[in-house]
Amino acid sequence: MLDRRGFVSAVAAMSAGAALAKESLADVSASDAWLDRLKGKHRQLFDVPDPDGGTVLRHVRNYLDTWREAYGVAERDVNVIVVLYARTVPLGLQDPMWAKYKLGAALTLTDSTTSAPLVRNYFAHPQAGDPVGDGTPESSIESLQKRGVVFALCNNALQRWSGRLEKQGMGTAHDIHADLTAHALPGVVIVPAAFIAMTKAHEHNFAYARS
């Protein structure tokens, strides 16, 4: 956990080498309307570049549970943003994209029920026995969304994934990007750039944690 000064320094360092390509903004709105709607008293952002078995989902669930159970704070007074980019891009995508583009293989994730590369997004809606989060549906993306958690998906990272999949012979980067964008999980917000979303969240008084 970083204090505000540390957060600003971290974002500045990460953002220094990041440029927004014009094509990155082609299908993505730079509107902050989604962020402006988050008016809870307690505000927390989780920076998540690596799946790490869905650890962030457990952290977010514990965060909400502790505010409610230890401090008596209603969930309407708590806002949480989870930023997906780098290796966590697939977490924000629907099952058909996992199967079509072999995203489980790309992340070296195996389905325990088939012993084959994962072809479904068990971070969004795990089945019994899936080794994700703390192994319960309550720690899934879908369950956390119902509690008000916002998942923000980086469009720059979507562009990079699209280019990588093009090199694997899965289509043109343009068409892949359109496909992935159209099949983001319901409720996921696609933002132009993860680090700018973090900066804007800081400007909206969100605390920062790397998870």
N, C-alpha and C. Protein backbone atom coordinates (compact mmCIF):
# COMPACT_ATOMS: atom_id res chain seq x y z
N MET A 1 0.85 -1.19 0.00
CA MET A 1 0.00 0.00 0.00
C MET A 1 0.88 1.23 0.00
N LEU A 2 0.58 2.18 -0.87
CA LEU A 2 1.38 3.39 -0.96
C LEU A 2 0.60 4.58 -0.44
N ASP A 3 1.31 5.57 0.14
CA ASP A 3 0.63 6.80 0.50
C ASP A 3 0.40 7.62 -0.78
N ARG A 4 -0.27 8.75 -0.63
CA ARG A 4 -0.65 9.52 -1.83
C ARG A 4 0.57 10.00 -2.59
N ARG A 5 1.61 10.47 -1.86
CA ARG A 5 2.80 10.96 -2.55
C ARG A 5 3.48 9.83 -3.31
N GLY A 6 3.53 8.63 -2.68
CA GLY A 6 4.13 7.49 -3.35
C GLY A 6 3.34 7.08 -4.56
N PHE A 7 2.02 7.18 -4.46
CA PHE A 7 1.15 6.82 -5.59
C PHE A 7 1.39 7.73 -6.78
N VAL A 8 1.45 9.04 -6.51
CA VAL A 8 1.67 10.00 -7.59
C VAL A 8 3.01 9.72 -8.27
N SER A 9 4.05 9.44 -7.48
CA SER A 9 5.37 9.17 -8.04
C SER A 9 5.35 7.92 -8.90
N ALA A 10 4.64 6.88 -8.41
CA ALA A 10 4.58 5.62 -9.15
C ALA A 10 3.87 5.81 -10.48
N VAL A 11 2.75 6.53 -10.45
CA VAL A 11 1.99 6.74 -11.69
C VAL A 11 2.80 7.57 -12.67
N ALA A 12 3.49 8.59 -12.17
CA ALA A 12 4.30 9.44 -13.05
C ALA A 12 5.39 8.63 -13.72
N ALA A 13 6.03 7.77 -12.95
CA ALA A 13 7.11 6.96 -13.51
C ALA A 13 6.60 5.99 -14.55
N MET A 14 5.46 5.36 -14.26
CA MET A 14 4.91 4.38 -15.19
C MET A 14 4.38 5.04 -16.45
N SER A 15 3.86 6.25 -16.30
CA SER A 15 3.23 6.91 -17.43
C SER A 15 4.22 7.61 -18.35
N ALA A 16 5.44 7.84 -17.86
CA ALA A 16 6.39 8.64 -18.60
C ALA A 16 6.65 8.09 -20.00
N GLY A 17 6.74 6.75 -20.12
CA GLY A 17 7.05 6.19 -21.42
C GLY A 17 5.85 5.73 -22.20
N ALA A 18 4.65 6.02 -21.72
CA ALA A 18 3.42 5.54 -22.37
C ALA A 18 2.83 6.62 -23.26
N ALA A 19 2.66 6.33 -24.54
CA ALA A 19 2.04 7.27 -25.48
C ALA A 19 0.75 6.68 -25.99
N LEU A 20 -0.27 7.51 -26.12
CA LEU A 20 -1.57 7.05 -26.62
C LEU A 20 -1.57 7.11 -28.15
N ALA A 21 -1.50 5.97 -28.79
CA ALA A 21 -1.59 5.91 -30.25
C ALA A 21 -3.01 6.26 -30.68
N LYS A 22 -3.13 6.89 -31.85
CA LYS A 22 -4.45 7.29 -32.33
C LYS A 22 -5.38 6.11 -32.47
N GLU A 23 -4.85 4.97 -32.98
CA GLU A 23 -5.71 3.82 -33.17
C GLU A 23 -6.20 3.27 -31.84
N SER A 24 -5.49 3.51 -30.75
CA SER A 24 -5.91 3.02 -29.45
C SER A 24 -7.21 3.67 -29.01
N LEU A 25 -7.48 4.86 -29.54
CA LEU A 25 -8.66 5.60 -29.13
C LEU A 25 -9.82 5.45 -30.12
N ALA A 26 -9.59 4.68 -31.16
CA ALA A 26 -10.57 4.63 -32.24
C ALA A 26 -11.95 4.18 -31.77
N ASP A 27 -11.99 3.15 -30.93
CA ASP A 27 -13.28 2.58 -30.52
C ASP A 27 -13.56 2.76 -29.03
N VAL A 28 -12.81 3.65 -28.40
CA VAL A 28 -12.92 3.79 -26.96
C VAL A 28 -13.19 5.25 -26.59
N SER A 29 -14.18 5.46 -25.75
CA SER A 29 -14.50 6.81 -25.32
C SER A 29 -13.58 7.23 -24.18
N ALA A 30 -13.12 8.45 -24.22
CA ALA A 30 -12.28 8.97 -23.14
C ALA A 30 -13.13 9.63 -22.05
N SER A 31 -14.44 9.44 -22.11
CA SER A 31 -15.33 10.04 -21.12
C SER A 31 -15.03 9.51 -19.72
N ASP A 32 -15.12 10.40 -18.75
CA ASP A 32 -14.93 10.01 -17.35
C ASP A 32 -16.26 9.79 -16.64
N ALA A 33 -17.34 9.64 -17.39
CA ALA A 33 -18.66 9.52 -16.77
C ALA A 33 -18.71 8.35 -15.78
N TRP A 34 -18.08 7.23 -16.14
CA TRP A 34 -18.09 6.07 -15.25
C TRP A 34 -17.40 6.39 -13.91
N LEU A 35 -16.36 7.20 -13.97
CA LEU A 35 -15.60 7.56 -12.77
C LEU A 35 -16.34 8.62 -11.96
N ASP A 36 -16.99 9.53 -12.65
CA ASP A 36 -17.72 10.59 -11.96
C ASP A 36 -18.89 10.05 -11.13
N ARG A 37 -19.38 8.87 -11.52
CA ARG A 37 -20.52 8.28 -10.78
C ARG A 37 -20.11 7.66 -9.45
N LEU A 38 -18.82 7.48 -9.23
CA LEU A 38 -18.34 6.83 -8.01
C LEU A 38 -18.13 7.88 -6.93
N LYS A 39 -19.07 7.97 -6.03
CA LYS A 39 -19.06 9.04 -5.04
C LYS A 39 -19.02 8.53 -3.59
N GLY A 40 -18.60 7.27 -3.40
CA GLY A 40 -18.52 6.71 -2.06
C GLY A 40 -17.50 7.45 -1.21
N LYS A 41 -17.69 7.39 0.10
CA LYS A 41 -16.78 8.06 1.02
C LYS A 41 -15.40 7.41 1.00
N HIS A 42 -15.37 6.09 0.89
CA HIS A 42 -14.12 5.33 0.92
C HIS A 42 -13.85 4.80 -0.49
N ARG A 43 -12.67 5.13 -1.03
CA ARG A 43 -12.39 4.84 -2.44
C ARG A 43 -11.02 4.17 -2.57
N GLN A 44 -11.01 3.03 -3.26
CA GLN A 44 -9.77 2.26 -3.38
C GLN A 44 -9.61 1.73 -4.80
N LEU A 45 -8.39 1.88 -5.35
CA LEU A 45 -8.06 1.31 -6.65
C LEU A 45 -7.03 0.20 -6.47
N PHE A 46 -7.25 -0.92 -7.18
CA PHE A 46 -6.30 -2.02 -7.19
C PHE A 46 -5.66 -2.11 -8.58
N ASP A 47 -4.35 -2.02 -8.63
CA ASP A 47 -3.55 -2.09 -9.85
C ASP A 47 -3.14 -3.55 -10.05
N VAL A 48 -3.64 -4.18 -11.15
CA VAL A 48 -3.48 -5.63 -11.28
C VAL A 48 -2.90 -6.02 -12.65
N PRO A 49 -1.57 -6.10 -12.79
CA PRO A 49 -0.99 -6.48 -14.07
C PRO A 49 -0.83 -7.98 -14.27
N ASP A 50 -0.97 -8.77 -13.20
CA ASP A 50 -0.75 -10.22 -13.32
C ASP A 50 -1.89 -10.98 -12.63
N PRO A 51 -2.39 -12.06 -13.23
CA PRO A 51 -3.53 -12.79 -12.65
C PRO A 51 -3.25 -13.32 -11.24
N ASP A 52 -2.07 -13.91 -11.03
CA ASP A 52 -1.68 -14.42 -9.72
C ASP A 52 -2.79 -15.27 -9.09
N GLY A 53 -3.42 -16.13 -9.91
CA GLY A 53 -4.44 -17.02 -9.38
C GLY A 53 -5.70 -16.33 -8.89
N GLY A 54 -5.90 -15.08 -9.31
CA GLY A 54 -7.08 -14.35 -8.87
C GLY A 54 -6.97 -13.78 -7.46
N THR A 55 -5.75 -13.60 -6.98
CA THR A 55 -5.54 -13.07 -5.63
C THR A 55 -6.28 -11.76 -5.41
N VAL A 56 -6.28 -10.89 -6.43
CA VAL A 56 -6.94 -9.59 -6.27
C VAL A 56 -8.42 -9.76 -5.94
N LEU A 57 -9.06 -10.80 -6.47
CA LEU A 57 -10.48 -10.99 -6.21
C LEU A 57 -10.72 -11.28 -4.72
N ARG A 58 -9.83 -12.06 -4.14
CA ARG A 58 -9.92 -12.32 -2.70
C ARG A 58 -9.66 -11.04 -1.91
N HIS A 59 -8.67 -10.27 -2.35
CA HIS A 59 -8.36 -9.01 -1.66
C HIS A 59 -9.56 -8.05 -1.69
N VAL A 60 -10.19 -7.94 -2.85
CA VAL A 60 -11.32 -7.02 -2.98
C VAL A 60 -12.49 -7.50 -2.13
N ARG A 61 -12.76 -8.79 -2.16
CA ARG A 61 -13.85 -9.31 -1.32
C ARG A 61 -13.57 -9.03 0.15
N ASN A 62 -12.34 -9.30 0.60
CA ASN A 62 -11.99 -9.04 2.00
C ASN A 62 -12.10 -7.56 2.33
N TYR A 63 -11.72 -6.72 1.38
CA TYR A 63 -11.80 -5.27 1.58
C TYR A 63 -13.24 -4.85 1.85
N LEU A 64 -14.16 -5.30 1.00
CA LEU A 64 -15.57 -4.95 1.18
C LEU A 64 -16.15 -5.56 2.45
N ASP A 65 -15.80 -6.83 2.70
CA ASP A 65 -16.33 -7.51 3.88
C ASP A 65 -15.88 -6.83 5.17
N THR A 66 -14.61 -6.40 5.20
CA THR A 66 -14.08 -5.80 6.43
C THR A 66 -14.71 -4.44 6.70
N TRP A 67 -14.91 -3.63 5.66
CA TRP A 67 -15.61 -2.36 5.87
C TRP A 67 -17.00 -2.61 6.47
N ARG A 68 -17.68 -3.63 5.96
CA ARG A 68 -19.04 -3.91 6.41
C ARG A 68 -19.07 -4.53 7.80
N GLU A 69 -18.23 -5.54 8.02
CA GLU A 69 -18.32 -6.32 9.26
C GLU A 69 -17.56 -5.72 10.43
N ALA A 70 -16.41 -5.10 10.16
CA ALA A 70 -15.61 -4.55 11.25
C ALA A 70 -15.93 -3.08 11.53
N TYR A 71 -16.33 -2.33 10.47
CA TYR A 71 -16.55 -0.90 10.63
C TYR A 71 -18.00 -0.48 10.44
N GLY A 72 -18.86 -1.42 10.06
CA GLY A 72 -20.28 -1.09 9.89
C GLY A 72 -20.56 -0.13 8.76
N VAL A 73 -19.70 -0.14 7.72
CA VAL A 73 -19.87 0.77 6.59
C VAL A 73 -20.65 0.07 5.48
N ALA A 74 -21.73 0.69 5.04
CA ALA A 74 -22.54 0.12 3.97
C ALA A 74 -21.77 0.16 2.65
N GLU A 75 -22.04 -0.81 1.79
CA GLU A 75 -21.30 -0.89 0.54
C GLU A 75 -21.55 0.30 -0.38
N ARG A 76 -22.66 0.98 -0.21
CA ARG A 76 -22.91 2.16 -1.04
C ARG A 76 -21.90 3.26 -0.72
N ASP A 77 -21.23 3.18 0.44
CA ASP A 77 -20.25 4.18 0.82
C ASP A 77 -18.82 3.76 0.49
N VAL A 78 -18.67 2.63 -0.21
CA VAL A 78 -17.34 2.13 -0.58
C VAL A 78 -17.28 1.94 -2.09
N ASN A 79 -16.30 2.54 -2.72
CA ASN A 79 -16.08 2.36 -4.17
C ASN A 79 -14.75 1.66 -4.40
N VAL A 80 -14.74 0.68 -5.29
CA VAL A 80 -13.53 -0.05 -5.63
C VAL A 80 -13.39 -0.11 -7.15
N ILE A 81 -12.18 0.19 -7.64
CA ILE A 81 -11.85 0.03 -9.06
C ILE A 81 -10.72 -0.99 -9.16
N VAL A 82 -10.86 -1.95 -10.07
CA VAL A 82 -9.80 -2.91 -10.37
C VAL A 82 -9.35 -2.65 -11.81
N VAL A 83 -8.06 -2.32 -12.00
CA VAL A 83 -7.55 -1.99 -13.33
C VAL A 83 -6.85 -3.21 -13.93
N LEU A 84 -7.35 -3.65 -15.09
CA LEU A 84 -6.82 -4.81 -15.78
C LEU A 84 -5.99 -4.37 -16.98
N TYR A 85 -4.77 -4.86 -17.09
CA TYR A 85 -3.89 -4.57 -18.22
C TYR A 85 -2.80 -5.63 -18.23
N ALA A 86 -1.87 -5.53 -19.18
CA ALA A 86 -0.78 -6.51 -19.28
C ALA A 86 -1.36 -7.93 -19.31
N ARG A 87 -0.96 -8.79 -18.37
CA ARG A 87 -1.40 -10.19 -18.39
C ARG A 87 -2.80 -10.40 -17.83
N THR A 88 -3.43 -9.36 -17.34
CA THR A 88 -4.79 -9.54 -16.82
C THR A 88 -5.86 -9.14 -17.82
N VAL A 89 -5.48 -8.75 -19.04
CA VAL A 89 -6.48 -8.41 -20.06
C VAL A 89 -7.52 -9.51 -20.24
N PRO A 90 -7.13 -10.79 -20.34
CA PRO A 90 -8.14 -11.83 -20.55
C PRO A 90 -9.19 -11.92 -19.43
N LEU A 91 -8.87 -11.44 -18.24
CA LEU A 91 -9.84 -11.51 -17.14
C LEU A 91 -11.08 -10.68 -17.44
N GLY A 92 -10.95 -9.70 -18.32
CA GLY A 92 -12.08 -8.84 -18.64
C GLY A 92 -12.86 -9.28 -19.86
N LEU A 93 -12.59 -10.51 -20.36
CA LEU A 93 -13.21 -10.97 -21.60
C LEU A 93 -14.13 -12.17 -21.38
N GLN A 94 -15.12 -12.31 -22.24
CA GLN A 94 -16.09 -13.39 -22.15
C GLN A 94 -15.50 -14.73 -22.57
N ASP A 95 -16.16 -15.81 -22.15
CA ASP A 95 -15.69 -17.17 -22.41
C ASP A 95 -15.36 -17.44 -23.89
N PRO A 96 -16.21 -17.03 -24.85
CA PRO A 96 -15.90 -17.35 -26.25
C PRO A 96 -14.54 -16.82 -26.71
N MET A 97 -14.08 -15.71 -26.14
CA MET A 97 -12.78 -15.17 -26.51
C MET A 97 -11.66 -16.05 -25.97
N TRP A 98 -11.87 -16.63 -24.80
CA TRP A 98 -10.87 -17.54 -24.23
C TRP A 98 -10.71 -18.77 -25.11
N ALA A 99 -11.82 -19.27 -25.62
CA ALA A 99 -11.76 -20.46 -26.47
C ALA A 99 -11.20 -20.10 -27.85
N LYS A 100 -11.68 -19.02 -28.44
CA LYS A 100 -11.30 -18.65 -29.81
C LYS A 100 -9.83 -18.30 -29.92
N TYR A 101 -9.31 -17.55 -28.94
CA TYR A 101 -7.95 -17.05 -29.03
C TYR A 101 -6.97 -17.76 -28.09
N LYS A 102 -7.42 -18.85 -27.49
CA LYS A 102 -6.56 -19.70 -26.65
C LYS A 102 -5.87 -18.89 -25.55
N LEU A 103 -6.69 -18.12 -24.84
CA LEU A 103 -6.14 -17.21 -23.83
C LEU A 103 -5.61 -17.96 -22.61
N GLY A 104 -6.23 -19.09 -22.29
CA GLY A 104 -5.73 -19.88 -21.17
C GLY A 104 -4.33 -20.39 -21.43
N ALA A 105 -4.08 -20.82 -22.66
CA ALA A 105 -2.74 -21.27 -23.02
C ALA A 105 -1.75 -20.12 -22.95
N ALA A 106 -2.18 -18.93 -23.36
CA ALA A 106 -1.30 -17.76 -23.32
C ALA A 106 -0.90 -17.42 -21.89
N LEU A 107 -1.80 -17.69 -20.95
CA LEU A 107 -1.52 -17.39 -19.54
C LEU A 107 -1.00 -18.62 -18.79
N THR A 108 -0.81 -19.72 -19.50
CA THR A 108 -0.36 -20.98 -18.91
C THR A 108 -1.29 -21.42 -17.79
N LEU A 109 -2.60 -21.41 -18.07
CA LEU A 109 -3.60 -21.83 -17.10
C LEU A 109 -4.25 -23.11 -17.58
N THR A 110 -4.36 -24.08 -16.68
CA THR A 110 -4.94 -25.38 -17.00
C THR A 110 -6.28 -25.55 -16.31
N ASP A 111 -7.23 -26.10 -17.03
CA ASP A 111 -8.56 -26.39 -16.47
C ASP A 111 -8.45 -27.68 -15.68
N SER A 112 -8.68 -27.61 -14.38
CA SER A 112 -8.53 -28.79 -13.53
C SER A 112 -9.53 -29.89 -13.86
N THR A 113 -10.62 -29.54 -14.53
CA THR A 113 -11.63 -30.54 -14.87
C THR A 113 -11.31 -31.29 -16.15
N THR A 114 -10.41 -30.72 -16.99
CA THR A 114 -10.08 -31.35 -18.26
C THR A 114 -8.59 -31.61 -18.43
N SER A 115 -7.78 -31.00 -17.57
CA SER A 115 -6.31 -31.07 -17.66
C SER A 115 -5.79 -30.49 -18.97
N ALA A 116 -6.61 -29.69 -19.64
CA ALA A 116 -6.22 -29.01 -20.88
C ALA A 116 -6.13 -27.51 -20.61
N PRO A 117 -5.52 -26.75 -21.53
CA PRO A 117 -5.48 -25.30 -21.34
C PRO A 117 -6.88 -24.72 -21.15
N LEU A 118 -7.01 -23.78 -20.27
CA LEU A 118 -8.29 -23.20 -19.91
C LEU A 118 -8.92 -22.48 -21.10
N VAL A 119 -10.18 -22.78 -21.39
CA VAL A 119 -10.88 -22.13 -22.51
C VAL A 119 -12.13 -21.40 -22.02
N ARG A 120 -12.16 -21.04 -20.75
CA ARG A 120 -13.26 -20.29 -20.18
C ARG A 120 -12.69 -19.35 -19.13
N ASN A 121 -13.41 -18.28 -18.86
CA ASN A 121 -12.94 -17.28 -17.90
C ASN A 121 -13.41 -17.64 -16.50
N TYR A 122 -12.61 -18.46 -15.81
CA TYR A 122 -13.05 -18.85 -14.47
C TYR A 122 -12.84 -17.75 -13.44
N PHE A 123 -12.20 -16.67 -13.82
CA PHE A 123 -12.11 -15.52 -12.93
C PHE A 123 -13.46 -14.80 -12.85
N ALA A 124 -14.22 -14.87 -13.94
CA ALA A 124 -15.53 -14.21 -13.98
C ALA A 124 -16.59 -15.05 -13.29
N HIS A 125 -16.62 -16.34 -13.57
CA HIS A 125 -17.66 -17.21 -13.01
C HIS A 125 -17.08 -18.60 -12.79
N PRO A 126 -16.36 -18.81 -11.70
CA PRO A 126 -15.71 -20.09 -11.45
C PRO A 126 -16.71 -21.22 -11.18
N GLN A 127 -16.30 -22.42 -11.54
CA GLN A 127 -17.05 -23.61 -11.20
C GLN A 127 -16.47 -24.21 -9.93
N ALA A 128 -17.21 -25.11 -9.32
CA ALA A 128 -16.74 -25.76 -8.10
C ALA A 128 -15.38 -26.41 -8.35
N GLY A 129 -14.44 -26.13 -7.48
CA GLY A 129 -13.11 -26.72 -7.60
C GLY A 129 -12.11 -25.91 -8.38
N ASP A 130 -12.56 -24.83 -9.03
CA ASP A 130 -11.61 -23.99 -9.75
C ASP A 130 -10.67 -23.28 -8.77
N PRO A 131 -9.35 -23.31 -9.04
CA PRO A 131 -8.38 -22.70 -8.13
C PRO A 131 -8.24 -21.21 -8.37
N VAL A 132 -9.29 -20.44 -8.10
CA VAL A 132 -9.25 -19.01 -8.36
C VAL A 132 -9.77 -18.26 -7.14
N GLY A 133 -9.17 -17.13 -6.82
CA GLY A 133 -9.58 -16.38 -5.64
C GLY A 133 -9.44 -17.25 -4.42
N ASP A 134 -10.50 -17.38 -3.64
CA ASP A 134 -10.48 -18.30 -2.51
C ASP A 134 -11.35 -19.52 -2.77
N GLY A 135 -11.62 -19.79 -4.06
CA GLY A 135 -12.34 -20.99 -4.43
C GLY A 135 -13.84 -20.92 -4.25
N THR A 136 -14.39 -19.71 -4.12
CA THR A 136 -15.83 -19.57 -3.95
C THR A 136 -16.39 -18.60 -4.98
N PRO A 137 -17.64 -18.81 -5.38
CA PRO A 137 -18.25 -17.87 -6.34
C PRO A 137 -18.30 -16.44 -5.82
N GLU A 138 -18.29 -16.27 -4.50
CA GLU A 138 -18.36 -14.92 -3.92
C GLU A 138 -17.13 -14.09 -4.25
N SER A 139 -16.05 -14.76 -4.65
CA SER A 139 -14.83 -14.03 -5.01
C SER A 139 -14.63 -13.97 -6.52
N SER A 140 -15.72 -14.04 -7.28
CA SER A 140 -15.62 -13.95 -8.74
C SER A 140 -15.82 -12.51 -9.19
N ILE A 141 -15.43 -12.24 -10.43
CA ILE A 141 -15.65 -10.90 -10.98
C ILE A 141 -17.14 -10.58 -10.98
N GLU A 142 -17.96 -11.51 -11.41
CA GLU A 142 -19.40 -11.26 -11.49
C GLU A 142 -19.99 -10.95 -10.12
N SER A 143 -19.58 -11.69 -9.10
CA SER A 143 -20.10 -11.44 -7.75
C SER A 143 -19.66 -10.08 -7.22
N LEU A 144 -18.41 -9.73 -7.48
CA LEU A 144 -17.90 -8.44 -7.01
C LEU A 144 -18.55 -7.27 -7.75
N GLN A 145 -18.85 -7.47 -9.04
CA GLN A 145 -19.56 -6.42 -9.78
C GLN A 145 -20.92 -6.15 -9.15
N LYS A 146 -21.59 -7.20 -8.69
CA LYS A 146 -22.90 -7.03 -8.06
C LYS A 146 -22.79 -6.22 -6.76
N ARG A 147 -21.59 -6.19 -6.20
CA ARG A 147 -21.36 -5.41 -4.98
C ARG A 147 -20.84 -4.01 -5.30
N GLY A 148 -20.81 -3.66 -6.58
CA GLY A 148 -20.44 -2.31 -6.98
C GLY A 148 -19.02 -2.13 -7.46
N VAL A 149 -18.22 -3.20 -7.48
CA VAL A 149 -16.83 -3.07 -7.92
C VAL A 149 -16.80 -2.82 -9.43
N VAL A 150 -15.96 -1.87 -9.85
CA VAL A 150 -15.81 -1.53 -11.26
C VAL A 150 -14.50 -2.11 -11.77
N PHE A 151 -14.56 -2.88 -12.85
CA PHE A 151 -13.37 -3.42 -13.50
C PHE A 151 -13.10 -2.59 -14.75
N ALA A 152 -11.90 -1.99 -14.82
CA ALA A 152 -11.51 -1.14 -15.95
C ALA A 152 -10.46 -1.88 -16.77
N LEU A 153 -10.71 -1.99 -18.07
CA LEU A 153 -9.85 -2.76 -18.98
C LEU A 153 -9.11 -1.80 -19.91
N CYS A 154 -7.79 -1.92 -19.96
CA CYS A 154 -6.93 -1.01 -20.72
C CYS A 154 -7.00 -1.29 -22.22
N ASN A 155 -7.36 -0.27 -23.01
CA ASN A 155 -7.42 -0.44 -24.46
C ASN A 155 -6.03 -0.54 -25.08
N ASN A 156 -5.05 0.16 -24.54
CA ASN A 156 -3.70 0.01 -25.06
C ASN A 156 -3.25 -1.44 -24.97
N ALA A 157 -3.57 -2.08 -23.84
CA ALA A 157 -3.20 -3.48 -23.66
C ALA A 157 -4.00 -4.38 -24.60
N LEU A 158 -5.26 -4.04 -24.84
CA LEU A 158 -6.05 -4.80 -25.81
C LEU A 158 -5.40 -4.73 -27.20
N GLN A 159 -4.87 -3.57 -27.56
CA GLN A 159 -4.19 -3.41 -28.83
C GLN A 159 -2.95 -4.31 -28.90
N ARG A 160 -2.19 -4.36 -27.81
CA ARG A 160 -0.99 -5.19 -27.81
C ARG A 160 -1.33 -6.67 -27.91
N TRP A 161 -2.36 -7.09 -27.18
CA TRP A 161 -2.81 -8.48 -27.28
C TRP A 161 -3.27 -8.79 -28.70
N SER A 162 -3.96 -7.86 -29.33
CA SER A 162 -4.45 -8.07 -30.69
C SER A 162 -3.28 -8.27 -31.66
N GLY A 163 -2.23 -7.46 -31.50
CA GLY A 163 -1.06 -7.60 -32.35
C GLY A 163 -0.35 -8.93 -32.13
N ARG A 164 -0.29 -9.35 -30.88
CA ARG A 164 0.35 -10.63 -30.57
C ARG A 164 -0.44 -11.80 -31.17
N LEU A 165 -1.76 -11.73 -31.08
CA LEU A 165 -2.59 -12.80 -31.64
C LEU A 165 -2.54 -12.81 -33.17
N GLU A 166 -2.37 -11.63 -33.76
CA GLU A 166 -2.20 -11.58 -35.22
C GLU A 166 -0.95 -12.36 -35.63
N LYS A 167 0.13 -12.18 -34.90
CA LYS A 167 1.38 -12.88 -35.21
C LYS A 167 1.23 -14.39 -35.06
N GLN A 168 0.24 -14.83 -34.29
CA GLN A 168 -0.01 -16.26 -34.13
C GLN A 168 -0.97 -16.79 -35.19
N GLY A 169 -1.31 -15.93 -36.16
CA GLY A 169 -2.14 -16.36 -37.26
C GLY A 169 -3.62 -16.44 -36.96
N MET A 170 -4.08 -15.65 -35.99
CA MET A 170 -5.48 -15.73 -35.58
C MET A 170 -6.35 -14.64 -36.22
N GLY A 171 -5.83 -13.93 -37.20
CA GLY A 171 -6.58 -12.87 -37.86
C GLY A 171 -5.78 -11.60 -37.89
N THR A 172 -6.40 -10.53 -38.37
CA THR A 172 -5.72 -9.24 -38.37
C THR A 172 -5.89 -8.58 -37.01
N ALA A 173 -4.93 -7.78 -36.63
CA ALA A 173 -5.00 -7.10 -35.34
C ALA A 173 -6.25 -6.25 -35.24
N HIS A 174 -6.61 -5.60 -36.34
CA HIS A 174 -7.80 -4.74 -36.35
C HIS A 174 -9.05 -5.55 -36.03
N ASP A 175 -9.21 -6.68 -36.71
CA ASP A 175 -10.41 -7.49 -36.50
C ASP A 175 -10.42 -8.15 -35.12
N ILE A 176 -9.26 -8.56 -34.66
CA ILE A 176 -9.17 -9.17 -33.33
C ILE A 176 -9.53 -8.15 -32.26
N HIS A 177 -9.00 -6.95 -32.41
CA HIS A 177 -9.31 -5.90 -31.44
C HIS A 177 -10.80 -5.62 -31.39
N ALA A 178 -11.43 -5.54 -32.56
CA ALA A 178 -12.88 -5.31 -32.61
C ALA A 178 -13.63 -6.44 -31.92
N ASP A 179 -13.16 -7.66 -32.12
CA ASP A 179 -13.79 -8.83 -31.52
C ASP A 179 -13.66 -8.80 -30.00
N LEU A 180 -12.46 -8.56 -29.52
CA LEU A 180 -12.22 -8.53 -28.07
C LEU A 180 -13.02 -7.41 -27.41
N THR A 181 -13.03 -6.25 -28.05
CA THR A 181 -13.75 -5.11 -27.50
C THR A 181 -15.25 -5.39 -27.41
N ALA A 182 -15.78 -6.05 -28.44
CA ALA A 182 -17.21 -6.36 -28.47
C ALA A 182 -17.58 -7.45 -27.47
N HIS A 183 -16.59 -8.19 -27.00
CA HIS A 183 -16.86 -9.30 -26.09
C HIS A 183 -16.21 -9.11 -24.72
N ALA A 184 -16.09 -7.86 -24.30
CA ALA A 184 -15.71 -7.61 -22.90
C ALA A 184 -16.83 -8.10 -22.00
N LEU A 185 -16.50 -8.48 -20.79
CA LEU A 185 -17.53 -8.89 -19.86
C LEU A 185 -18.54 -7.77 -19.65
N PRO A 186 -19.81 -8.10 -19.49
CA PRO A 186 -20.81 -7.05 -19.20
C PRO A 186 -20.38 -6.23 -17.99
N GLY A 187 -20.49 -4.92 -18.12
CA GLY A 187 -20.16 -4.03 -17.01
C GLY A 187 -18.71 -3.59 -16.96
N VAL A 188 -17.82 -4.28 -17.68
CA VAL A 188 -16.42 -3.87 -17.71
C VAL A 188 -16.28 -2.57 -18.51
N VAL A 189 -15.52 -1.62 -17.98
CA VAL A 189 -15.30 -0.34 -18.65
C VAL A 189 -13.97 -0.38 -19.39
N ILE A 190 -14.01 -0.17 -20.70
CA ILE A 190 -12.77 -0.10 -21.47
C ILE A 190 -12.27 1.34 -21.46
N VAL A 191 -11.08 1.53 -20.92
CA VAL A 191 -10.49 2.87 -20.80
C VAL A 191 -9.32 2.99 -21.77
N PRO A 192 -9.01 4.20 -22.23
CA PRO A 192 -7.92 4.37 -23.21
C PRO A 192 -6.58 3.83 -22.74
N ALA A 193 -6.23 4.07 -21.48
CA ALA A 193 -4.93 3.63 -20.97
C ALA A 193 -5.03 3.38 -19.47
N ALA A 194 -4.46 2.27 -19.02
CA ALA A 194 -4.54 1.90 -17.61
C ALA A 194 -3.94 2.97 -16.70
N PHE A 195 -2.76 3.47 -17.07
CA PHE A 195 -2.08 4.40 -16.18
C PHE A 195 -2.77 5.75 -16.10
N ILE A 196 -3.38 6.16 -17.21
CA ILE A 196 -4.15 7.40 -17.16
C ILE A 196 -5.41 7.20 -16.31
N ALA A 197 -6.02 6.02 -16.40
CA ALA A 197 -7.17 5.73 -15.54
C ALA A 197 -6.76 5.79 -14.07
N MET A 198 -5.55 5.32 -13.76
CA MET A 198 -5.06 5.39 -12.38
C MET A 198 -4.86 6.84 -11.95
N THR A 199 -4.29 7.65 -12.84
CA THR A 199 -4.10 9.07 -12.52
C THR A 199 -5.44 9.74 -12.27
N LYS A 200 -6.41 9.49 -13.15
CA LYS A 200 -7.72 10.10 -12.99
C LYS A 200 -8.40 9.62 -11.71
N ALA A 201 -8.22 8.35 -11.38
CA ALA A 201 -8.80 7.85 -10.13
C ALA A 201 -8.17 8.56 -8.93
N HIS A 202 -6.87 8.78 -8.98
CA HIS A 202 -6.20 9.53 -7.91
C HIS A 202 -6.79 10.94 -7.79
N GLU A 203 -7.05 11.55 -8.94
CA GLU A 203 -7.64 12.89 -8.93
C GLU A 203 -9.06 12.88 -8.37
N HIS A 204 -9.68 11.69 -8.35
CA HIS A 204 -11.00 11.52 -7.74
C HIS A 204 -10.87 10.95 -6.32
N ASN A 205 -9.68 11.09 -5.74
CA ASN A 205 -9.43 10.73 -4.35
C ASN A 205 -9.50 9.23 -4.06
N PHE A 206 -9.11 8.41 -5.03
CA PHE A 206 -8.98 6.98 -4.79
C PHE A 206 -7.60 6.68 -4.24
N ALA A 207 -7.54 5.85 -3.20
CA ALA A 207 -6.26 5.33 -2.70
C ALA A 207 -5.76 4.28 -3.69
N TYR A 208 -4.48 3.89 -3.56
CA TYR A 208 -3.86 3.00 -4.52
C TYR A 208 -3.27 1.79 -3.82
N ALA A 209 -3.44 0.60 -4.45
CA ALA A 209 -2.77 -0.61 -3.98
C ALA A 209 -2.38 -1.46 -5.17
N ARG A 210 -1.17 -2.01 -5.15
CA ARG A 210 -0.75 -2.97 -6.18
C ARG A 210 -1.15 -4.35 -5.69
N SER A 211 -1.84 -5.11 -6.53
CA SER A 211 -2.29 -6.43 -6.09
C SER A 211 -1.99 -7.46 -7.16
